[in-house]
């Protein structure tokens, strides 16, 4: 792939890429709760062990760590792991996302401004423009970038050497990556949903950072509603904290947590109004299914991507939704949770 040289390659819009030295965060609350090391990172033990070996081996050889692909549902810690890897390697991390890289010149600027050993983290890498993806292939394999200088008959091609960097890609849709791109990663890891005990440990750590007193019953209540996802758990903890402070409670217990969660309309399984609307729409408009993804998205006025990446993962995991060759189907368990009668034909009666 060839890049035409232009002023674009000299300076990139800050909205396209952000740089952090040694994994340091920008100081906002969410980043305050973000683990800064493998020791602080709770869960995903097998992945942590494998990454630790990769990092130690790379440091022993005094070379960059291999390109890494992290995939799994949103909110499980892919970005956090990328930052920890950079910090453990003692290098800069530059962060961007697939949809943000619209121009070849932007991407050329990102690549040429990297330093040896730097980590380039691309979130939603499955949404990279195909032209950008072609630029990435030789950059990943050979650390090379081709540019055209000039125009017309006098134009000439110049091949630039890139610094030896590490690409860390993150995606919620592994299948959406092309085979050539996927095969260029030296290590691929799937992040799994967290157990309730792991979520409770995460909540306990976050509560300590936030200066919030919470007992075991409070941890249990919030963990049960967390959708097995740290990002959701921390978000709920902050909302329960707000409620507790306004009501002048000294500590969060199950009673306080239950009242707060009820106020923000989160049910005991962590379903929010939008989740219940999703389920009821399929039941009431389509007899519980089967129904196609595009039809569902249109019925609830959402994008197909939102349905696939926001609604479905947790509902599939808890057995409220099933995927069939004919479309999505609401399960009997979901009917029971919603208090709706169910027949063998999956019809509303």
Protein backbone atom coordinates (compact mmCIF):
# COMPACT_ATOMS: atom_id res chain seq x y z
CA UNK A 1 0.00 0.00 0.00
CA UNK A 2 1.30 3.46 -0.95
CA UNK A 3 0.66 6.73 0.87
CA UNK A 4 0.73 10.04 -0.97
CA UNK A 5 2.84 12.48 1.01
CA UNK A 6 1.01 15.60 2.16
CA UNK A 7 0.93 17.98 5.14
CA UNK A 8 -1.48 15.48 6.72
CA UNK A 9 1.40 13.14 7.46
CA UNK A 10 3.18 15.79 9.53
CA UNK A 11 0.44 16.52 12.03
CA UNK A 12 -2.52 14.45 13.17
CA UNK A 13 -5.75 15.72 14.73
CA UNK A 14 -5.69 15.09 18.50
CA UNK A 15 -9.14 13.50 18.20
CA UNK A 16 -7.58 10.69 16.19
CA UNK A 17 -4.85 9.66 18.61
CA UNK A 18 -3.99 10.24 22.25
CA UNK A 19 -0.58 9.62 23.81
CA UNK A 20 0.08 8.55 27.40
CA UNK A 21 3.56 8.10 28.87
CA UNK A 22 4.15 4.80 30.62
CA UNK A 23 0.43 4.07 30.80
CA UNK A 24 -0.40 7.13 32.94
CA UNK A 25 -4.08 8.07 32.78
CA UNK A 26 -5.74 11.46 32.48
CA UNK A 27 -6.87 11.57 36.09
CA UNK A 28 -10.63 11.40 35.70
CA UNK A 29 -12.66 9.20 38.01
CA UNK A 30 -12.98 6.16 35.74
CA UNK A 31 -9.24 6.10 35.20
CA UNK A 32 -8.67 6.46 38.94
CA UNK A 33 -10.48 3.14 39.35
CA UNK A 34 -8.54 1.53 36.50
CA UNK A 35 -5.93 -1.02 37.69
CA UNK A 36 -2.35 0.04 36.98
CA UNK A 37 -0.65 -3.36 37.22
CA UNK A 38 -1.33 -7.07 36.86
CA UNK A 39 -1.35 -7.35 40.65
CA UNK A 40 -4.19 -4.82 40.85
CA UNK A 41 -6.06 -6.33 37.90
CA UNK A 42 -8.63 -8.81 39.24
CA UNK A 43 -9.76 -11.75 37.08
CA UNK A 44 -8.67 -13.03 33.64
CA UNK A 45 -5.92 -15.01 35.41
CA UNK A 46 -4.92 -17.17 32.44
CA UNK A 47 -4.55 -14.15 30.16
CA UNK A 48 -2.49 -12.30 32.77
CA UNK A 49 -0.11 -15.25 33.12
CA UNK A 50 0.35 -15.54 29.36
CA UNK A 51 0.90 -11.80 28.96
CA UNK A 52 3.38 -11.77 31.83
CA UNK A 53 5.44 -14.45 30.07
CA UNK A 54 5.32 -12.51 26.78
CA UNK A 55 6.44 -9.32 28.52
CA UNK A 56 9.28 -10.89 30.49
CA UNK A 57 10.54 -12.77 27.43
CA UNK A 58 10.46 -9.62 25.28
CA UNK A 59 12.31 -7.61 27.93
CA UNK A 60 14.91 -10.37 28.27
CA UNK A 61 15.49 -10.25 24.49
CA UNK A 62 15.40 -6.43 24.60
CA UNK A 63 12.80 -6.23 21.85
CA UNK A 64 9.17 -5.12 21.56
CA UNK A 65 6.45 -7.49 22.68
CA UNK A 66 4.56 -9.29 19.90
CA UNK A 67 1.42 -7.78 18.40
CA UNK A 68 -1.57 -8.71 20.59
CA UNK A 69 -5.28 -9.02 19.81
CA UNK A 70 -7.77 -8.82 22.69
CA UNK A 71 -11.42 -9.66 22.06
CA UNK A 72 -14.61 -10.12 24.02
CA UNK A 73 -17.69 -8.17 25.15
CA UNK A 74 -17.42 -4.49 26.04
CA UNK A 75 -16.37 -3.44 29.53
CA UNK A 76 -14.24 -6.47 30.44
CA UNK A 77 -10.87 -4.70 30.58
CA UNK A 78 -9.26 -4.74 27.13
CA UNK A 79 -8.16 -1.10 27.32
CA UNK A 80 -6.90 -1.60 30.86
CA UNK A 81 -4.78 -4.57 29.82
CA UNK A 82 -3.27 -2.57 26.95
CA UNK A 83 -2.24 0.18 29.35
CA UNK A 84 -0.79 -2.30 31.82
CA UNK A 85 1.23 -3.98 29.06
CA UNK A 86 2.72 -0.62 28.06
CA UNK A 87 3.48 0.23 31.68
CA UNK A 88 5.13 -3.14 32.32
CA UNK A 89 7.24 -2.68 29.18
CA UNK A 90 8.14 0.87 30.26
CA UNK A 91 7.02 2.43 26.96
CA UNK A 92 4.56 5.00 25.65
CA UNK A 93 1.05 4.00 24.62
CA UNK A 94 -0.77 5.80 21.84
CA UNK A 95 -4.50 5.19 21.75
CA UNK A 96 -6.95 5.48 18.89
CA UNK A 97 -9.92 3.59 17.45
CA UNK A 98 -10.84 2.05 14.12
CA UNK A 99 -13.63 4.52 13.26
CA UNK A 100 -11.45 7.53 14.19
CA UNK A 101 -8.84 6.79 11.51
CA UNK A 102 -10.54 8.07 8.37
CA UNK A 103 -7.58 9.20 6.26
CA UNK A 104 -4.46 7.37 5.18
CA UNK A 105 -2.46 10.50 6.01
CA UNK A 106 -3.68 10.40 9.60
CA UNK A 107 -2.56 6.82 10.00
CA UNK A 108 0.78 7.50 8.35
CA UNK A 109 1.35 10.30 10.85
CA UNK A 110 0.53 8.02 13.77
CA UNK A 111 2.95 5.35 12.57
CA UNK A 112 5.84 7.68 11.78
CA UNK A 113 5.58 9.43 15.14
CA UNK A 114 5.91 6.23 17.15
CA UNK A 115 9.15 5.47 18.97
CA UNK A 116 10.91 2.13 19.24
CA UNK A 117 8.97 -0.17 21.54
CA UNK A 118 5.86 2.03 21.69
CA UNK A 119 2.44 0.42 21.98
CA UNK A 120 -0.19 1.49 19.47
CA UNK A 121 -3.62 0.57 20.84
CA UNK A 122 -6.49 0.47 18.34
CA UNK A 123 -9.90 -0.05 19.90
CA UNK A 124 -12.71 -1.36 17.68
CA UNK A 125 -10.06 -2.53 15.27
CA UNK A 126 -12.70 -4.46 13.32
CA UNK A 127 -14.03 -1.10 12.10
CA UNK A 128 -10.81 -0.05 10.37
CA UNK A 129 -11.21 1.20 6.82
CA UNK A 130 -9.96 -1.49 4.40
CA UNK A 131 -7.50 0.94 2.83
CA UNK A 132 -6.07 1.71 6.27
CA UNK A 133 -5.89 -2.00 6.97
CA UNK A 134 -3.73 -2.52 3.89
CA UNK A 135 -1.30 0.12 5.18
CA UNK A 136 -1.14 -1.79 8.44
CA UNK A 137 -0.01 -5.12 6.94
CA UNK A 138 3.59 -4.15 6.00
CA UNK A 139 3.80 -1.93 9.07
CA UNK A 140 3.08 -4.91 11.33
CA UNK A 141 5.23 -7.42 9.47
CA UNK A 142 8.21 -5.44 8.22
CA UNK A 143 7.93 -2.05 9.97
CA UNK A 144 7.79 -0.36 6.55
CA UNK A 145 5.69 2.46 5.13
CA UNK A 146 5.59 3.47 1.44
CA UNK A 147 4.88 7.07 0.44
CA UNK A 148 4.71 8.86 -2.92
CA UNK A 149 6.51 12.19 -3.16
CA UNK A 150 5.40 14.59 -5.88
CA UNK A 151 2.84 14.20 -8.65
CA UNK A 152 2.70 13.12 -12.26
CA UNK A 153 5.78 11.90 -14.17
CA UNK A 154 8.17 13.29 -11.56
CA UNK A 155 6.56 11.39 -8.69
CA UNK A 156 8.74 8.92 -6.87
CA UNK A 157 8.17 6.29 -4.21
CA UNK A 158 10.00 6.38 -0.91
CA UNK A 159 9.96 3.55 1.60
CA UNK A 160 10.21 4.66 5.20
CA UNK A 161 11.48 2.52 8.04
CA UNK A 162 9.11 2.56 10.98
CA UNK A 163 10.13 2.10 14.61
CA UNK A 164 9.64 -1.40 15.94
CA UNK A 165 6.31 -0.93 17.69
CA UNK A 166 3.70 -3.24 19.21
CA UNK A 167 0.13 -3.14 17.95
CA UNK A 168 -2.56 -4.08 20.45
CA UNK A 169 -5.97 -4.41 18.84
CA UNK A 170 -9.25 -4.69 20.73
CA UNK A 171 -12.55 -5.85 19.33
CA UNK A 172 -15.95 -7.08 20.40
CA UNK A 173 -16.36 -8.87 17.05
CA UNK A 174 -13.48 -11.20 16.26
CA UNK A 175 -15.30 -12.60 13.23
CA UNK A 176 -15.46 -9.14 11.64
CA UNK A 177 -11.66 -9.02 11.31
CA UNK A 178 -10.22 -10.12 8.00
CA UNK A 179 -8.06 -13.25 8.07
CA UNK A 180 -4.94 -11.40 6.85
CA UNK A 181 -5.18 -8.94 9.73
CA UNK A 182 -6.06 -11.52 12.37
CA UNK A 183 -3.18 -13.78 11.32
CA UNK A 184 -0.62 -11.00 11.82
CA UNK A 185 -1.13 -10.95 15.59
CA UNK A 186 1.35 -13.05 17.54
CA UNK A 187 -1.01 -13.57 20.48
CA UNK A 188 -4.82 -13.58 20.60
CA UNK A 189 -6.77 -13.64 23.86
CA UNK A 190 -10.48 -13.76 24.62
CA UNK A 191 -11.65 -11.95 27.77
CA UNK A 192 -14.42 -13.77 29.64
CA UNK A 193 -17.24 -12.48 31.81
CA UNK A 194 -16.28 -12.22 35.49
CA UNK A 195 -17.57 -14.38 38.32
CA UNK A 196 -19.61 -12.79 41.10
CA UNK A 197 -16.70 -13.24 43.52
CA UNK A 198 -14.33 -11.45 41.14
CA UNK A 199 -16.82 -8.60 40.74
CA UNK A 200 -17.12 -8.31 44.53
CA UNK A 201 -13.33 -8.00 44.81
CA UNK A 202 -13.36 -5.30 42.13
CA UNK A 203 -16.15 -3.44 43.93
CA UNK A 204 -14.31 -3.68 47.25
CA UNK A 205 -11.17 -2.20 45.69
CA UNK A 206 -13.14 0.57 43.97
CA UNK A 207 -15.04 1.42 47.15
CA UNK A 208 -11.74 1.84 48.98
CA UNK A 209 -10.43 4.20 46.28
CA UNK A 210 -13.68 6.20 46.36
CA UNK A 211 -13.66 6.35 50.16
CA UNK A 212 -16.99 4.53 50.39
CA UNK A 213 -17.92 2.23 53.27
CA UNK A 214 -19.72 -0.87 52.04
CA UNK A 215 -20.43 -4.15 53.79
CA UNK A 216 -20.61 -7.69 52.40
CA UNK A 217 -24.36 -7.50 51.79
CA UNK A 218 -23.96 -4.29 49.81
CA UNK A 219 -21.20 -5.84 47.72
CA UNK A 220 -23.38 -8.89 47.08
CA UNK A 221 -26.35 -6.80 45.96
CA UNK A 222 -24.39 -4.62 43.53
CA UNK A 223 -22.37 -7.57 42.19
CA UNK A 224 -25.59 -9.43 41.38
CA UNK A 225 -26.66 -6.53 39.16
CA UNK A 226 -23.29 -5.95 37.50
CA UNK A 227 -23.87 -8.15 34.43
CA UNK A 228 -20.53 -9.85 35.29
CA UNK A 229 -18.82 -6.74 33.88
CA UNK A 230 -16.38 -4.50 35.82
CA UNK A 231 -17.39 -1.34 33.94
CA UNK A 232 -21.03 -1.86 34.89
CA UNK A 233 -20.12 -2.76 38.47
CA UNK A 234 -18.13 0.46 38.95
CA UNK A 235 -20.88 2.54 37.34
CA UNK A 236 -23.50 1.08 39.67
CA UNK A 237 -21.23 1.54 42.70
CA UNK A 238 -20.91 5.25 41.93
CA UNK A 239 -24.69 5.65 41.56
CA UNK A 240 -25.31 3.79 44.84
CA UNK A 241 -22.65 5.96 46.50
CA UNK A 242 -24.45 9.11 45.31
CA UNK A 243 -27.74 7.83 46.70
CA UNK A 244 -26.12 6.87 50.00
CA UNK A 245 -24.49 10.27 50.45
CA UNK A 246 -27.65 12.24 49.66
CA UNK A 247 -29.66 10.08 52.08
CA UNK A 248 -26.92 10.52 54.73
CA UNK A 249 -26.24 6.81 55.16
CA UNK A 250 -22.95 6.04 56.88
CA UNK A 251 -22.38 2.86 54.90
CA UNK A 252 -23.81 0.91 51.99
CA UNK A 253 -25.58 -2.31 52.93
CA UNK A 254 -28.09 -4.44 51.02
CA UNK A 255 -31.00 -2.18 52.03
CA UNK A 256 -29.29 0.99 50.81
CA UNK A 257 -28.04 -0.71 47.63
CA UNK A 258 -31.48 -2.15 46.86
CA UNK A 259 -33.17 1.22 47.30
CA UNK A 260 -30.61 2.94 45.07
CA UNK A 261 -30.83 0.31 42.35
CA UNK A 262 -34.62 0.41 42.43
CA UNK A 263 -34.50 4.19 42.06
CA UNK A 264 -32.39 3.96 38.89
CA UNK A 265 -34.62 1.10 37.63
CA UNK A 266 -32.04 -1.68 37.62
CA UNK A 267 -33.64 -5.02 38.46
CA UNK A 268 -32.06 -7.84 40.55
CA UNK A 269 -30.42 -9.39 37.47
CA UNK A 270 -29.01 -6.08 36.29
CA UNK A 271 -31.52 -5.52 33.51
CA UNK A 272 -32.22 -1.88 32.76
CA UNK A 273 -35.37 -0.39 31.15
CA UNK A 274 -33.77 -0.64 27.70
CA UNK A 275 -33.10 -4.37 28.17
CA UNK A 276 -36.66 -5.05 29.27
CA UNK A 277 -37.97 -2.98 26.36
CA UNK A 278 -35.81 -5.07 24.01
CA UNK A 279 -37.24 -8.33 25.36
CA UNK A 280 -40.84 -7.12 25.48
CA UNK A 281 -40.65 -5.78 21.93
CA UNK A 282 -39.66 -9.20 20.57
CA UNK A 283 -42.37 -10.87 22.65
CA UNK A 284 -45.19 -8.43 21.94
CA UNK A 285 -44.44 -7.60 18.29
CA UNK A 286 -42.93 -10.85 17.06
CA UNK A 287 -44.41 -13.51 19.34
CA UNK A 288 -41.07 -14.07 21.03
CA UNK A 289 -39.30 -14.83 17.76
CA UNK A 290 -37.59 -16.07 15.78
CA UNK A 291 -36.95 -12.64 14.29
CA UNK A 292 -34.03 -11.16 12.39
CA UNK A 293 -31.47 -8.78 13.84
CA UNK A 294 -32.22 -5.96 11.40
CA UNK A 295 -35.94 -6.17 12.14
CA UNK A 296 -35.31 -6.01 15.89
CA UNK A 297 -33.01 -3.01 15.51
CA UNK A 298 -35.65 -1.16 13.47
CA UNK A 299 -38.38 -2.02 15.99
CA UNK A 300 -36.47 -0.53 18.93
CA UNK A 301 -34.96 2.34 16.91
CA UNK A 302 -31.36 1.25 17.45
CA UNK A 303 -28.45 0.44 15.15
CA UNK A 304 -27.71 -3.21 14.43
CA UNK A 305 -24.26 -2.70 15.97
CA UNK A 306 -25.85 -1.52 19.23
CA UNK A 307 -28.13 -4.55 19.39
CA UNK A 308 -25.22 -6.93 18.78
CA UNK A 309 -22.70 -5.30 21.10
CA UNK A 310 -24.82 -3.75 23.87
CA UNK A 311 -28.03 -5.73 24.28
CA UNK A 312 -27.25 -9.26 23.18
CA UNK A 313 -24.06 -10.41 24.97
CA UNK A 314 -25.48 -10.35 28.50
CA UNK A 315 -28.94 -11.59 27.50
CA UNK A 316 -27.33 -14.52 25.72
CA UNK A 317 -25.07 -15.20 28.68
CA UNK A 318 -27.92 -15.40 31.20
CA UNK A 319 -30.07 -17.48 28.87
CA UNK A 320 -32.77 -14.91 28.13
CA UNK A 321 -32.05 -14.86 24.40
CA UNK A 322 -31.17 -17.58 21.90
CA UNK A 323 -29.71 -17.31 18.42
CA UNK A 324 -31.11 -19.70 15.83
CA UNK A 325 -30.69 -20.06 12.08
CA UNK A 326 -34.04 -18.30 11.69
CA UNK A 327 -33.29 -15.43 14.05
CA UNK A 328 -33.40 -14.39 17.71
CA UNK A 329 -35.76 -16.12 20.15
CA UNK A 330 -36.76 -15.10 23.67
CA UNK A 331 -36.45 -18.02 26.10
CA UNK A 332 -38.93 -19.30 28.66
CA UNK A 333 -36.62 -18.05 31.42
CA UNK A 334 -36.95 -14.50 30.14
CA UNK A 335 -40.74 -14.79 30.03
CA UNK A 336 -40.74 -15.89 33.67
CA UNK A 337 -38.48 -13.01 34.71
CA UNK A 338 -40.79 -10.51 33.02
CA UNK A 339 -43.89 -12.13 34.51
CA UNK A 340 -45.32 -13.05 31.11
CA UNK A 341 -47.01 -16.37 30.41
CA UNK A 342 -45.27 -18.65 27.94
CA UNK A 343 -46.56 -21.43 25.70
CA UNK A 344 -44.72 -24.12 23.77
CA UNK A 345 -44.92 -22.08 20.58
CA UNK A 346 -43.18 -19.15 22.28
CA UNK A 347 -46.27 -16.99 21.87
CA UNK A 348 -47.60 -14.31 24.17
CA UNK A 349 -50.87 -15.53 25.73
